[in-house]
Amino acid sequence: MTGNRLDGQVILVTGAGQGIGRGTALALAKEGASVAVAGRTKAKCDAVAQEIESAGGTALSLACDVTDRSQVDHAVAETVGRFGTLHGLVNNAASSVQKPLEEVTDADVELCWRSGAMGTLYAMQAALPHLRTAGGGSIVNFGSSTAVKGNGTFGAYAMAKEGIRGLSRVAAREWGRYGIRVNVVVPVAMSPTSVEFSEEHPERFEAMRNSLALRRVGDCEADIGRAIVALMSDDLSFLTGDTLMLTGGM
């Protein structure tokens, strides 16, 4: 453990078995939060929960496919059942499809939409009554730089990610009266997908890295996770309905 900014808080993170989700879960736990680590692959969530507990933190591992509302409801209920309350939600889970726009199928859109926009909506709706009971809280959703920039081959994914940004602004307006803040993070980080891209296309990855003002790709925990700690804490308690661009100056 490294700090106590989030002592007493209970936070659920989806897609927490690897990458940005894992980095976020670790960063939250290191600041004192009890973290529910949720994801489709239970073994990965178990491993992250074990990392947290080995470092002196508190974690709960949960299997959860966010495309299934009943599984999301169950994950939220299990979190509250274990810890007694809920103060924060990080909606990181999402699936992506890459292909030229003219080749995008209904199935591609459905996968991105259900895992991204719908999964985010399910979790927000399930969390709402508990956040209200707790007297407020913070929700962090994820956009994508590929959607903000309109990168080629990301059509289906961009639809879902920009939908999440619109959903987040509406929720911030509707739920602010309850003390609930809703913000979006757009990250550029060394997720497993980025690592794979760097290995398969080293020259293109290097060009992307050099296009960033800071000339480096973010670390999932140190750069993204710790920023989400700030969003969950009182440090940014006046920020809601906004998008935080954690892109290294893209």
Protein backbone atom coordinates (compact mmCIF):
# COMPACT_ATOMS: atom_id res chain seq x y z
CA MET A 1 0.00 0.00 0.00
CA THR A 2 1.26 3.49 -0.84
CA GLY A 3 -1.40 5.99 0.23
CA ASN A 4 -4.78 6.58 1.82
CA ARG A 5 -6.59 8.95 -0.53
CA LEU A 6 -9.34 6.38 -1.08
CA ASP A 7 -9.55 4.81 2.37
CA GLY A 8 -13.02 3.39 3.00
CA GLN A 9 -14.10 3.53 -0.64
CA VAL A 10 -15.47 0.55 -2.54
CA ILE A 11 -14.91 0.62 -6.29
CA LEU A 12 -15.91 -1.84 -9.02
CA VAL A 13 -13.68 -2.08 -12.11
CA THR A 14 -14.83 -3.97 -15.21
CA GLY A 15 -12.40 -5.45 -17.69
CA ALA A 16 -9.95 -5.56 -14.79
CA GLY A 17 -8.11 -8.77 -15.62
CA GLN A 18 -5.44 -7.12 -17.76
CA GLY A 19 -4.15 -3.90 -19.26
CA ILE A 20 -5.70 -0.60 -18.22
CA GLY A 21 -8.30 -2.35 -16.07
CA ARG A 22 -5.60 -4.17 -14.11
CA GLY A 23 -3.50 -1.01 -13.79
CA THR A 24 -6.50 0.91 -12.54
CA ALA A 25 -7.45 -1.75 -10.00
CA LEU A 26 -3.90 -1.79 -8.64
CA ALA A 27 -3.69 1.99 -8.43
CA LEU A 28 -7.04 2.25 -6.62
CA ALA A 29 -6.11 -0.46 -4.13
CA LYS A 30 -2.75 1.15 -3.39
CA GLU A 31 -4.63 4.26 -2.28
CA GLY A 32 -6.79 2.30 0.16
CA ALA A 33 -9.88 1.39 -1.87
CA SER A 34 -11.51 -2.02 -1.65
CA VAL A 35 -11.64 -3.10 -5.28
CA ALA A 36 -14.00 -5.51 -7.04
CA VAL A 37 -12.03 -6.91 -9.98
CA ALA A 38 -14.50 -8.00 -12.66
CA GLY A 39 -13.92 -9.52 -16.09
CA ARG A 40 -14.88 -12.29 -18.48
CA THR A 41 -11.89 -14.48 -17.60
CA LYS A 42 -12.12 -15.30 -13.90
CA ALA A 43 -8.55 -16.63 -13.72
CA LYS A 44 -7.16 -13.25 -14.81
CA CYS A 45 -9.31 -11.46 -12.23
CA ASP A 46 -8.15 -13.92 -9.56
CA ALA A 47 -4.54 -13.08 -10.40
CA VAL A 48 -5.12 -9.32 -10.13
CA ALA A 49 -7.02 -9.74 -6.86
CA GLN A 50 -4.12 -11.80 -5.54
CA GLU A 51 -1.66 -9.05 -6.53
CA ILE A 52 -3.72 -6.55 -4.57
CA GLU A 53 -4.03 -8.72 -1.51
CA SER A 54 -0.35 -9.67 -1.57
CA ALA A 55 0.44 -5.94 -1.38
CA GLY A 56 -1.82 -5.54 1.65
CA GLY A 57 -4.96 -4.37 -0.16
CA THR A 58 -8.50 -5.70 -0.28
CA ALA A 59 -10.03 -7.18 -3.41
CA LEU A 60 -12.88 -9.32 -4.70
CA SER A 61 -12.59 -11.29 -7.94
CA LEU A 62 -15.74 -11.58 -10.07
CA ALA A 63 -16.56 -13.26 -13.36
CA CYS A 64 -18.64 -10.83 -15.43
CA ASP A 65 -19.49 -10.57 -19.12
CA VAL A 66 -20.76 -7.00 -19.43
CA THR A 67 -22.83 -7.84 -22.52
CA ASP A 68 -25.18 -9.74 -20.19
CA ARG A 69 -27.22 -7.42 -17.95
CA SER A 70 -27.89 -10.19 -15.41
CA GLN A 71 -24.15 -10.79 -14.95
CA VAL A 72 -23.54 -7.08 -14.46
CA ASP A 73 -26.37 -6.87 -11.91
CA HIS A 74 -24.88 -9.86 -10.12
CA ALA A 75 -21.38 -8.32 -10.05
CA VAL A 76 -22.70 -5.13 -8.48
CA ALA A 77 -24.80 -7.10 -5.98
CA GLU A 78 -21.81 -9.28 -5.05
CA THR A 79 -19.65 -6.21 -4.54
CA VAL A 80 -22.19 -4.56 -2.24
CA GLY A 81 -22.82 -7.86 -0.50
CA ARG A 82 -19.13 -8.27 0.28
CA PHE A 83 -18.25 -4.68 1.19
CA GLY A 84 -21.60 -3.24 2.23
CA THR A 85 -21.63 -0.27 -0.12
CA LEU A 86 -20.37 1.16 -3.42
CA HIS A 87 -18.66 4.50 -4.01
CA GLY A 88 -17.20 4.19 -7.48
CA LEU A 89 -17.44 2.44 -10.84
CA VAL A 90 -14.86 2.17 -13.62
CA ASN A 91 -16.29 0.86 -16.90
CA ASN A 92 -13.23 -0.36 -18.77
CA ALA A 93 -14.54 -3.52 -20.46
CA ALA A 94 -14.97 -3.36 -24.25
CA SER A 95 -14.31 -5.36 -27.40
CA SER A 96 -12.98 -3.95 -30.66
CA VAL A 97 -13.22 -4.87 -34.33
CA GLN A 98 -10.89 -3.48 -36.98
CA LYS A 99 -11.83 -3.51 -40.64
CA PRO A 100 -12.58 -1.01 -43.41
CA LEU A 101 -15.94 0.70 -42.99
CA GLU A 102 -17.42 -0.84 -46.11
CA GLU A 103 -16.77 -4.30 -44.65
CA VAL A 104 -18.31 -3.67 -41.22
CA THR A 105 -21.15 -6.07 -40.47
CA ASP A 106 -24.10 -5.93 -38.12
CA ALA A 107 -22.31 -8.49 -35.94
CA ASP A 108 -19.25 -6.23 -35.68
CA VAL A 109 -21.36 -3.28 -34.57
CA GLU A 110 -23.33 -5.47 -32.17
CA LEU A 111 -20.15 -6.77 -30.50
CA CYS A 112 -18.66 -3.31 -29.99
CA TRP A 113 -21.97 -1.76 -28.99
CA ARG A 114 -22.98 -4.42 -26.48
CA SER A 115 -19.56 -4.79 -24.85
CA GLY A 116 -18.94 -1.04 -24.80
CA ALA A 117 -21.99 1.21 -24.74
CA MET A 118 -24.55 -1.27 -23.43
CA GLY A 119 -22.18 -2.80 -20.87
CA THR A 120 -21.42 0.68 -19.59
CA LEU A 121 -25.12 1.50 -19.36
CA TYR A 122 -25.90 -1.76 -17.54
CA ALA A 123 -23.23 -1.13 -14.92
CA MET A 124 -24.23 2.50 -14.39
CA GLN A 125 -27.87 1.56 -13.93
CA ALA A 126 -27.01 -1.25 -11.51
CA ALA A 127 -24.67 1.00 -9.51
CA LEU A 128 -26.98 4.02 -9.30
CA PRO A 129 -29.13 3.04 -6.28
CA HIS A 130 -26.04 2.10 -4.27
CA LEU A 131 -24.19 5.30 -5.16
CA ARG A 132 -27.26 7.30 -4.15
CA THR A 133 -27.45 5.46 -0.84
CA ALA A 134 -23.75 6.16 -0.27
CA GLY A 135 -24.40 9.86 -0.74
CA GLY A 136 -22.73 10.17 -4.13
CA GLY A 137 -19.69 8.82 -5.88
CA SER A 138 -17.68 8.79 -9.09
CA ILE A 139 -18.14 6.92 -12.36
CA VAL A 140 -15.34 6.76 -14.92
CA ASN A 141 -16.13 5.54 -18.43
CA PHE A 142 -13.75 5.07 -21.35
CA GLY A 143 -13.64 6.73 -24.73
CA SER A 144 -11.01 6.12 -27.38
CA SER A 145 -8.53 8.28 -29.25
CA THR A 146 -9.35 6.25 -32.38
CA ALA A 147 -12.92 7.57 -32.16
CA VAL A 148 -11.92 11.15 -31.32
CA LYS A 149 -9.53 11.25 -34.29
CA GLY A 150 -11.65 9.11 -36.62
CA ASN A 151 -8.91 6.56 -37.30
CA GLY A 152 -9.54 4.26 -40.26
CA THR A 153 -10.77 0.69 -39.63
CA PHE A 154 -12.28 1.61 -36.24
CA GLY A 155 -15.81 2.40 -37.44
CA ALA A 156 -17.79 -0.01 -35.26
CA TYR A 157 -15.61 0.67 -32.23
CA ALA A 158 -15.82 4.44 -32.71
CA MET A 159 -19.63 4.27 -32.80
CA ALA A 160 -19.67 2.59 -29.40
CA LYS A 161 -17.00 4.78 -27.82
CA GLU A 162 -18.57 8.06 -28.89
CA GLY A 163 -21.92 6.69 -27.70
CA ILE A 164 -20.34 6.21 -24.28
CA ARG A 165 -19.23 9.83 -24.23
CA GLY A 166 -22.76 11.02 -24.99
CA LEU A 167 -24.22 8.68 -22.38
CA SER A 168 -21.75 9.99 -19.80
CA ARG A 169 -22.69 13.63 -20.39
CA VAL A 170 -26.39 12.83 -19.96
CA ALA A 171 -25.73 10.85 -16.77
CA ALA A 172 -23.64 13.69 -15.37
CA ARG A 173 -26.56 16.07 -15.91
CA GLU A 174 -29.20 13.72 -14.49
CA TRP A 175 -27.25 12.34 -11.54
CA GLY A 176 -25.30 15.39 -10.40
CA ARG A 177 -28.15 16.18 -7.98
CA TYR A 178 -27.23 12.98 -6.13
CA GLY A 179 -23.57 13.94 -5.81
CA ILE A 180 -22.61 11.47 -8.53
CA ARG A 181 -19.90 12.58 -10.95
CA VAL A 182 -19.54 10.95 -14.38
CA ASN A 183 -16.44 11.51 -16.52
CA VAL A 184 -14.73 9.91 -19.49
CA VAL A 185 -11.06 9.02 -19.88
CA VAL A 186 -9.49 8.72 -23.33
CA PRO A 187 -6.22 6.82 -22.82
CA VAL A 188 -3.13 6.02 -24.83
CA ALA A 189 -1.39 3.23 -22.93
CA MET A 190 0.59 0.02 -23.32
CA SER A 191 -2.41 -2.28 -23.11
CA PRO A 192 -2.05 -5.87 -24.39
CA THR A 193 -3.43 -4.69 -27.75
CA SER A 194 -0.78 -1.95 -27.92
CA VAL A 195 1.97 -4.39 -27.02
CA GLU A 196 0.78 -6.75 -29.76
CA PHE A 197 0.69 -3.88 -32.27
CA SER A 198 4.21 -2.78 -31.30
CA GLU A 199 5.51 -6.29 -31.89
CA GLU A 200 3.70 -6.87 -35.18
CA HIS A 201 4.20 -3.36 -36.62
CA PRO A 202 7.28 -1.87 -34.92
CA GLU A 203 7.79 0.94 -37.45
CA ARG A 204 4.16 2.08 -37.30
CA PHE A 205 4.21 1.89 -33.51
CA GLU A 206 7.40 3.97 -33.37
CA ALA A 207 5.85 6.58 -35.65
CA MET A 208 2.78 6.73 -33.40
CA ARG A 209 4.94 7.06 -30.29
CA ASN A 210 6.98 9.83 -31.83
CA SER A 211 3.80 11.69 -32.77
CA LEU A 212 2.98 12.12 -29.09
CA ALA A 213 4.17 15.32 -27.45
CA LEU A 214 5.75 13.37 -24.58
CA ARG A 215 7.31 10.80 -26.97
CA ARG A 216 6.13 7.88 -24.85
CA VAL A 217 3.05 5.68 -24.52
CA GLY A 218 1.36 5.75 -21.13
CA ASP A 219 1.75 3.15 -18.42
CA CYS A 220 -1.51 1.41 -17.53
CA GLU A 221 -1.07 1.90 -13.79
CA ALA A 222 1.21 4.91 -13.33
CA ASP A 223 -0.32 7.13 -16.02
CA ILE A 224 -3.90 5.93 -16.43
CA GLY A 225 -4.68 4.22 -13.13
CA ARG A 226 -3.32 7.02 -10.98
CA ALA A 227 -5.30 9.60 -12.96
CA ILE A 228 -8.42 7.57 -12.24
CA VAL A 229 -7.47 7.66 -8.56
CA ALA A 230 -7.73 11.45 -8.82
CA LEU A 231 -11.14 11.18 -10.49
CA MET A 232 -12.33 8.89 -7.70
CA SER A 233 -10.95 11.14 -4.95
CA ASP A 234 -12.06 14.57 -3.76
CA ASP A 235 -9.21 16.16 -5.72
CA LEU A 236 -11.42 16.51 -8.81
CA SER A 237 -14.76 16.75 -7.06
CA PHE A 238 -15.91 19.65 -9.27
CA LEU A 239 -15.28 17.80 -12.54
CA THR A 240 -18.22 16.04 -14.18
CA GLY A 241 -19.58 15.45 -17.68
CA ASP A 242 -16.12 15.97 -19.12
CA THR A 243 -13.47 14.05 -21.04
CA LEU A 244 -9.94 13.72 -19.70
CA MET A 245 -7.49 13.17 -22.56
CA LEU A 246 -4.69 11.00 -21.19
CA THR A 247 -2.94 10.72 -24.54
CA GLY A 248 0.53 12.13 -23.93
CA GLY A 249 -0.26 15.10 -26.15
CA MET A 250 -1.69 13.24 -29.14
